[in-house]
Amino acid sequence: MGTTLPMTAAAALAAVLLTPVHAGAAAPPTSGDCAAGELCLWEQPEFKGHRQAYELSGIDIESCVALPEGSSAQALVNRTGRPVTAYQSAECAETGEFQTYPGSGTWAPQSPYRVRAFKVWER
């Protein structure tokens, strides 16, 4: 004597089991628009407030780029194709918090600290 699930429950279970799972991979959020080749920073979490966009053509690679004085960012998108390190310090000092984001397309809706500077790496 076997047990059968109602068709709707069986279909739901099959859908869950057949859905591919990618550890740590999530679809990019619908907000946080940032063009390919850009690093975009927002002053508020969840890609809200004033947005600043930087292109590789206007950045010295492997140099500290401070945000304009008095500004900071709490969300970022890296679509530069290169790793970017975001710093709590406006001088890219490693005595404060910092984190590197891959350039393959990284959406960070909430930084764990206020970003005041960044550095784009060659690779």
N, C-alpha and C. Protein backbone atom coordinates (compact mmCIF):
# COMPACT_ATOMS: atom_id res chain seq x y z
N MET A 1 0.85 -1.16 0.00
CA MET A 1 0.00 0.00 0.00
C MET A 1 0.90 1.22 0.00
N GLY A 2 0.85 2.03 -1.05
CA GLY A 2 1.70 3.20 -1.17
C GLY A 2 0.97 4.47 -0.80
N THR A 3 1.74 5.49 -0.57
CA THR A 3 1.16 6.79 -0.24
C THR A 3 1.31 7.68 -1.46
N THR A 4 0.26 8.37 -1.82
CA THR A 4 0.34 9.30 -2.94
C THR A 4 0.02 10.70 -2.44
N LEU A 5 0.71 11.64 -3.01
CA LEU A 5 0.46 13.03 -2.68
C LEU A 5 -0.58 13.57 -3.64
N PRO A 6 -1.40 14.51 -3.22
CA PRO A 6 -2.30 15.14 -4.17
C PRO A 6 -1.47 15.75 -5.31
N MET A 7 -2.02 15.84 -6.47
CA MET A 7 -1.30 16.32 -7.65
C MET A 7 -0.67 17.69 -7.42
N THR A 8 -1.33 18.62 -6.79
CA THR A 8 -0.77 19.96 -6.60
C THR A 8 0.44 19.92 -5.68
N ALA A 9 0.40 19.13 -4.64
CA ALA A 9 1.55 19.02 -3.73
C ALA A 9 2.71 18.33 -4.43
N ALA A 10 2.42 17.30 -5.22
CA ALA A 10 3.47 16.60 -5.95
C ALA A 10 4.12 17.54 -6.97
N ALA A 11 3.31 18.32 -7.65
CA ALA A 11 3.86 19.26 -8.64
C ALA A 11 4.72 20.32 -7.95
N ALA A 12 4.28 20.80 -6.80
CA ALA A 12 5.05 21.80 -6.06
C ALA A 12 6.37 21.22 -5.59
N LEU A 13 6.34 19.99 -5.09
CA LEU A 13 7.56 19.34 -4.64
C LEU A 13 8.53 19.13 -5.80
N ALA A 14 8.02 18.72 -6.95
CA ALA A 14 8.87 18.53 -8.13
C ALA A 14 9.50 19.84 -8.56
N ALA A 15 8.73 20.92 -8.51
CA ALA A 15 9.26 22.23 -8.91
C ALA A 15 10.40 22.65 -8.01
N VAL A 16 10.26 22.41 -6.71
CA VAL A 16 11.32 22.77 -5.76
C VAL A 16 12.56 21.92 -6.01
N LEU A 17 12.36 20.63 -6.21
CA LEU A 17 13.49 19.72 -6.38
C LEU A 17 14.20 19.93 -7.71
N LEU A 18 13.51 20.40 -8.72
CA LEU A 18 14.10 20.58 -10.04
C LEU A 18 14.65 21.98 -10.26
N THR A 19 14.46 22.88 -9.31
CA THR A 19 14.98 24.24 -9.44
C THR A 19 16.46 24.23 -9.12
N PRO A 20 17.33 24.72 -10.04
CA PRO A 20 18.77 24.71 -9.77
C PRO A 20 19.10 25.63 -8.59
N VAL A 21 20.05 25.20 -7.79
CA VAL A 21 20.49 26.00 -6.65
C VAL A 21 21.94 26.35 -6.86
N HIS A 22 22.27 27.63 -6.75
CA HIS A 22 23.65 28.11 -6.89
C HIS A 22 24.02 28.76 -5.57
N ALA A 23 24.91 28.15 -4.84
CA ALA A 23 25.31 28.67 -3.53
C ALA A 23 25.79 30.11 -3.65
N GLY A 24 25.17 30.99 -2.90
CA GLY A 24 25.60 32.39 -2.87
C GLY A 24 25.19 33.18 -4.09
N ALA A 25 24.60 32.54 -5.09
CA ALA A 25 24.21 33.27 -6.30
C ALA A 25 22.75 33.65 -6.20
N ALA A 26 22.49 34.91 -6.41
CA ALA A 26 21.12 35.40 -6.42
C ALA A 26 20.97 36.31 -7.61
N ALA A 27 19.78 36.39 -8.10
CA ALA A 27 19.53 37.30 -9.22
C ALA A 27 19.78 38.73 -8.75
N PRO A 28 20.34 39.55 -9.62
CA PRO A 28 20.54 40.95 -9.25
C PRO A 28 19.22 41.60 -8.89
N PRO A 29 19.23 42.51 -7.95
CA PRO A 29 17.98 43.17 -7.58
C PRO A 29 17.45 43.98 -8.76
N THR A 30 16.15 44.24 -8.72
CA THR A 30 15.55 45.00 -9.80
C THR A 30 15.95 46.47 -9.72
N SER A 31 16.37 46.92 -8.56
CA SER A 31 16.88 48.29 -8.45
C SER A 31 18.40 48.22 -8.46
N GLY A 32 19.04 49.33 -8.38
CA GLY A 32 20.49 49.34 -8.42
C GLY A 32 20.99 49.33 -9.85
N ASP A 33 20.29 50.05 -10.72
CA ASP A 33 20.71 50.11 -12.12
C ASP A 33 22.09 50.73 -12.24
N CYS A 34 22.95 50.03 -12.94
CA CYS A 34 24.33 50.47 -13.14
C CYS A 34 24.79 49.87 -14.46
N ALA A 35 25.27 50.70 -15.37
CA ALA A 35 25.65 50.24 -16.70
C ALA A 35 26.91 49.37 -16.66
N ALA A 36 27.04 48.51 -17.63
CA ALA A 36 28.25 47.69 -17.77
C ALA A 36 29.46 48.61 -17.85
N GLY A 37 30.52 48.24 -17.14
CA GLY A 37 31.74 49.04 -17.13
C GLY A 37 31.77 50.11 -16.06
N GLU A 38 30.74 50.19 -15.23
CA GLU A 38 30.67 51.24 -14.20
C GLU A 38 30.74 50.67 -12.79
N LEU A 39 31.17 51.53 -11.88
CA LEU A 39 31.04 51.33 -10.45
C LEU A 39 30.04 52.38 -9.99
N CYS A 40 28.95 51.95 -9.37
CA CYS A 40 27.91 52.88 -8.93
C CYS A 40 27.77 52.79 -7.42
N LEU A 41 27.65 53.95 -6.80
CA LEU A 41 27.53 54.04 -5.34
C LEU A 41 26.33 54.91 -4.99
N TRP A 42 25.53 54.46 -4.01
CA TRP A 42 24.37 55.21 -3.54
C TRP A 42 24.58 55.63 -2.10
N GLU A 43 24.07 56.80 -1.75
CA GLU A 43 24.28 57.32 -0.40
C GLU A 43 23.45 56.60 0.66
N GLN A 44 22.39 55.90 0.26
CA GLN A 44 21.54 55.20 1.21
C GLN A 44 21.46 53.72 0.85
N PRO A 45 21.13 52.88 1.85
CA PRO A 45 20.96 51.45 1.56
C PRO A 45 19.86 51.21 0.54
N GLU A 46 19.88 50.01 -0.04
CA GLU A 46 18.87 49.57 -1.00
C GLU A 46 18.85 50.42 -2.26
N PHE A 47 20.02 50.99 -2.63
CA PHE A 47 20.18 51.75 -3.88
C PHE A 47 19.27 52.99 -3.91
N LYS A 48 19.20 53.68 -2.78
CA LYS A 48 18.37 54.88 -2.69
C LYS A 48 19.24 56.11 -2.47
N GLY A 49 18.67 57.26 -2.76
CA GLY A 49 19.39 58.52 -2.58
C GLY A 49 20.25 58.83 -3.80
N HIS A 50 21.13 59.77 -3.63
CA HIS A 50 22.01 60.22 -4.71
C HIS A 50 22.92 59.09 -5.17
N ARG A 51 23.04 58.92 -6.49
CA ARG A 51 23.91 57.89 -7.07
C ARG A 51 25.12 58.55 -7.72
N GLN A 52 26.30 57.97 -7.48
CA GLN A 52 27.53 58.40 -8.14
C GLN A 52 28.00 57.24 -9.01
N ALA A 53 28.34 57.52 -10.27
CA ALA A 53 28.81 56.48 -11.18
C ALA A 53 30.21 56.83 -11.66
N TYR A 54 31.07 55.84 -11.69
CA TYR A 54 32.47 55.99 -12.12
C TYR A 54 32.75 54.99 -13.22
N GLU A 55 33.39 55.44 -14.29
CA GLU A 55 33.81 54.57 -15.39
C GLU A 55 35.33 54.38 -15.32
N LEU A 56 35.80 53.26 -15.84
CA LEU A 56 37.24 52.99 -15.83
C LEU A 56 38.04 54.09 -16.52
N SER A 57 37.46 54.70 -17.56
CA SER A 57 38.19 55.73 -18.30
C SER A 57 38.49 56.96 -17.44
N GLY A 58 37.77 57.14 -16.34
CA GLY A 58 38.00 58.29 -15.48
C GLY A 58 38.65 57.96 -14.16
N ILE A 59 39.16 56.73 -14.02
CA ILE A 59 39.74 56.27 -12.75
C ILE A 59 41.18 55.84 -12.98
N ASP A 60 42.07 56.23 -12.08
CA ASP A 60 43.44 55.70 -12.10
C ASP A 60 43.42 54.33 -11.43
N ILE A 61 43.74 53.30 -12.20
CA ILE A 61 43.73 51.93 -11.69
C ILE A 61 44.74 51.81 -10.55
N GLU A 62 44.33 51.10 -9.50
CA GLU A 62 45.12 50.83 -8.31
C GLU A 62 45.49 52.09 -7.53
N SER A 63 44.70 53.15 -7.70
CA SER A 63 44.88 54.38 -6.92
C SER A 63 43.64 54.60 -6.07
N CYS A 64 43.83 55.21 -4.92
CA CYS A 64 42.72 55.51 -4.02
C CYS A 64 41.88 56.64 -4.60
N VAL A 65 40.59 56.40 -4.73
CA VAL A 65 39.65 57.42 -5.21
C VAL A 65 38.70 57.74 -4.06
N ALA A 66 38.85 58.94 -3.50
CA ALA A 66 37.98 59.36 -2.41
C ALA A 66 36.69 59.92 -2.98
N LEU A 67 35.58 59.63 -2.33
CA LEU A 67 34.32 60.24 -2.71
C LEU A 67 34.39 61.73 -2.37
N PRO A 68 33.57 62.55 -3.00
CA PRO A 68 33.60 63.98 -2.67
C PRO A 68 33.48 64.21 -1.16
N GLU A 69 34.21 65.20 -0.67
CA GLU A 69 34.24 65.47 0.77
C GLU A 69 32.83 65.61 1.34
N GLY A 70 32.61 64.96 2.46
CA GLY A 70 31.32 65.01 3.14
C GLY A 70 30.32 63.99 2.64
N SER A 71 30.68 63.24 1.59
CA SER A 71 29.74 62.23 1.09
C SER A 71 30.24 60.83 1.42
N SER A 72 29.31 59.90 1.39
CA SER A 72 29.64 58.50 1.61
C SER A 72 28.58 57.67 0.90
N ALA A 73 28.81 56.37 0.83
CA ALA A 73 27.87 55.47 0.18
C ALA A 73 27.56 54.30 1.10
N GLN A 74 26.33 53.80 0.98
CA GLN A 74 25.92 52.65 1.77
C GLN A 74 25.46 51.47 0.92
N ALA A 75 25.43 51.66 -0.41
CA ALA A 75 25.10 50.58 -1.33
C ALA A 75 25.97 50.75 -2.57
N LEU A 76 26.31 49.64 -3.22
CA LEU A 76 27.15 49.75 -4.41
C LEU A 76 26.89 48.61 -5.38
N VAL A 77 27.21 48.89 -6.64
CA VAL A 77 27.18 47.89 -7.70
C VAL A 77 28.50 48.00 -8.44
N ASN A 78 29.18 46.87 -8.60
CA ASN A 78 30.45 46.84 -9.34
C ASN A 78 30.25 46.06 -10.64
N ARG A 79 30.27 46.79 -11.76
CA ARG A 79 30.18 46.17 -13.08
C ARG A 79 31.37 46.59 -13.93
N THR A 80 32.50 46.86 -13.28
CA THR A 80 33.70 47.32 -13.99
C THR A 80 34.42 46.20 -14.72
N GLY A 81 34.19 44.97 -14.32
CA GLY A 81 34.96 43.85 -14.87
C GLY A 81 36.26 43.65 -14.12
N ARG A 82 36.48 44.44 -13.08
CA ARG A 82 37.69 44.34 -12.24
C ARG A 82 37.29 44.37 -10.77
N PRO A 83 38.11 43.77 -9.92
CA PRO A 83 37.80 43.85 -8.49
C PRO A 83 37.90 45.29 -7.98
N VAL A 84 37.01 45.63 -7.06
CA VAL A 84 37.00 46.95 -6.45
C VAL A 84 36.98 46.77 -4.94
N THR A 85 37.89 47.46 -4.25
CA THR A 85 37.88 47.47 -2.79
C THR A 85 37.24 48.76 -2.33
N ALA A 86 36.22 48.64 -1.47
CA ALA A 86 35.54 49.80 -0.89
C ALA A 86 36.07 49.98 0.53
N TYR A 87 36.40 51.22 0.88
CA TYR A 87 37.02 51.53 2.18
C TYR A 87 36.13 52.43 3.02
N GLN A 88 36.16 52.20 4.31
CA GLN A 88 35.51 53.09 5.27
C GLN A 88 36.30 54.40 5.36
N SER A 89 37.60 54.31 5.23
CA SER A 89 38.50 55.45 5.31
C SER A 89 38.54 56.20 3.98
N ALA A 90 38.54 57.52 4.02
CA ALA A 90 38.63 58.33 2.80
C ALA A 90 40.02 58.27 2.18
N GLU A 91 41.01 57.69 2.90
CA GLU A 91 42.38 57.58 2.39
C GLU A 91 42.71 56.14 1.99
N CYS A 92 41.71 55.27 1.93
CA CYS A 92 41.91 53.85 1.62
C CYS A 92 42.81 53.17 2.65
N ALA A 93 42.76 53.67 3.88
CA ALA A 93 43.56 53.08 4.96
C ALA A 93 42.94 51.74 5.38
N GLU A 94 43.79 50.77 5.57
CA GLU A 94 43.33 49.45 5.97
C GLU A 94 43.16 49.32 7.47
N THR A 95 43.28 50.43 8.20
CA THR A 95 43.02 50.40 9.64
C THR A 95 41.52 50.44 9.91
N GLY A 96 40.73 50.92 8.96
CA GLY A 96 39.27 50.90 9.05
C GLY A 96 38.75 49.66 8.33
N GLU A 97 37.45 49.61 8.16
CA GLU A 97 36.84 48.49 7.45
C GLU A 97 37.07 48.63 5.95
N PHE A 98 37.17 47.50 5.26
CA PHE A 98 37.27 47.48 3.81
C PHE A 98 36.84 46.12 3.31
N GLN A 99 36.37 46.07 2.06
CA GLN A 99 35.92 44.82 1.48
C GLN A 99 36.10 44.91 -0.03
N THR A 100 36.51 43.79 -0.65
CA THR A 100 36.71 43.75 -2.09
C THR A 100 35.52 43.04 -2.74
N TYR A 101 35.02 43.65 -3.80
CA TYR A 101 33.87 43.13 -4.53
C TYR A 101 34.32 42.71 -5.94
N PRO A 102 33.97 41.49 -6.35
CA PRO A 102 34.34 41.04 -7.71
C PRO A 102 33.71 41.93 -8.78
N GLY A 103 34.36 42.05 -9.91
CA GLY A 103 33.89 42.92 -10.97
C GLY A 103 32.98 42.25 -11.97
N SER A 104 32.64 41.01 -11.74
CA SER A 104 31.80 40.28 -12.69
C SER A 104 30.33 40.65 -12.59
N GLY A 105 30.02 41.55 -11.68
CA GLY A 105 28.64 41.97 -11.46
C GLY A 105 28.25 41.70 -10.03
N THR A 106 28.53 42.65 -9.16
CA THR A 106 28.25 42.50 -7.74
C THR A 106 27.28 43.58 -7.31
N TRP A 107 26.15 43.16 -6.71
CA TRP A 107 25.16 44.08 -6.17
C TRP A 107 25.22 43.97 -4.65
N ALA A 108 25.53 45.07 -3.98
CA ALA A 108 25.58 45.10 -2.52
C ALA A 108 24.59 46.16 -2.03
N PRO A 109 23.37 45.77 -1.71
CA PRO A 109 22.36 46.75 -1.32
C PRO A 109 22.60 47.38 0.05
N GLN A 110 23.48 46.80 0.86
CA GLN A 110 23.76 47.36 2.19
C GLN A 110 25.20 47.07 2.56
N SER A 111 26.04 48.09 2.55
CA SER A 111 27.42 47.92 2.99
C SER A 111 27.43 47.83 4.51
N PRO A 112 28.35 47.05 5.08
CA PRO A 112 28.42 46.96 6.54
C PRO A 112 29.01 48.23 7.19
N TYR A 113 29.43 49.18 6.38
CA TYR A 113 30.00 50.44 6.86
C TYR A 113 29.79 51.50 5.79
N ARG A 114 30.02 52.77 6.14
CA ARG A 114 29.92 53.84 5.15
C ARG A 114 31.18 53.83 4.28
N VAL A 115 30.97 53.75 2.98
CA VAL A 115 32.08 53.75 2.04
C VAL A 115 32.46 55.20 1.75
N ARG A 116 33.76 55.51 1.93
CA ARG A 116 34.24 56.88 1.69
C ARG A 116 35.30 56.95 0.58
N ALA A 117 35.78 55.78 0.15
CA ALA A 117 36.78 55.72 -0.91
C ALA A 117 36.78 54.33 -1.51
N PHE A 118 37.40 54.21 -2.67
CA PHE A 118 37.50 52.90 -3.31
C PHE A 118 38.78 52.83 -4.13
N LYS A 119 39.14 51.60 -4.49
CA LYS A 119 40.30 51.35 -5.34
C LYS A 119 39.92 50.25 -6.32
N VAL A 120 40.16 50.51 -7.62
CA VAL A 120 39.93 49.53 -8.67
C VAL A 120 41.25 48.84 -8.96
N TRP A 121 41.23 47.52 -8.98
CA TRP A 121 42.45 46.73 -9.16
C TRP A 121 42.59 46.28 -10.61
N GLU A 122 43.82 46.09 -11.05
CA GLU A 122 44.10 45.62 -12.42
C GLU A 122 43.42 44.27 -12.65
N ARG A 123 43.56 43.36 -11.76
CA ARG A 123 42.92 42.02 -11.83
C ARG A 123 43.01 41.33 -10.54
